[in-house]
Amino acid sequence: MNYKTIIKAISLIIILNFSLSSCGKKEKLSNEDKIKILAEVFSDNTNLTLFFKKCIFINIQIIKPHSMFYNGIDYDSYNEYVSDVLKIEDANFVEQQINDNRNLKINFLRNFDFKFQNLEENKTNDNCYTMISKPLFNKSEDCFYIIIQENGSQNQYLFKKNSDKWVLEKKFGLAIE
C-alpha cells in the first residue's frame, strides 16, 4: 500500500466511525425549539383552559411552585420534586436543565403574538395576567413540566408529545394566592 491509499483508508474509517457513533443520537432541544413548543401549547384553542393568547404575560419567571406535594410526598428539594413528576431518577439532570435554561427568554413568545408587560406596569381588571416557569423536560424530551400562574391561581402542568402534537397529560398542584 502506498501513502495515499493509507490516508484514504484512515479517512474513510474516521468518517464511518463518526457516522455510526452519531446514528440514533437526537439533538437536544434548542431554546428556540422550547419557545416553539410553548407557543404551540399556549395557542391550542381546543383546550380553552390553556388558551393563553387572551392573557398578558408578565415578564417575570416563576422559579418554584407554591406547593411541592406529589404522589403522597412533600418535597423539600425542587430538583427531586421535578424528577419525580417527570419520572427521572436523576435530580442532577433537572439541575443541568435549570442551568441550561438561564439563556431561555420566555418573552420570545412575542414572536408568536403573545403580549408581555413588566411586573411594575399598571394592570387592569378586565385583562388576564399570566406568569410561567421555564419548561423542564424528561430525558427523551417527549414530556415537559411547567408552572403557570394566572390571576393569582397557580397550577402545574405535565405535557406529553403525542405523535406530532403536545397534549396536556396532567394538571395538578393548585395553589391560590
Foldseek 3Di string as FASTA:
>chain_A
DDPVVVVVVVVVVVVVVVVVVCPPDDDDDDLVNQLVQLLQQCCPVVDVVSVCLQAAEAQDADDAAPFLADPNDGDPDRLVSQCVVQVHPDSVLQVVVVVVCPPRGNVVNVVVVRHYDHPPDDDDPVHKYKHKHRWDADPVRQKIKMWMDIPFKIKIWIWGHDPNHIDTDDIDDIDGD
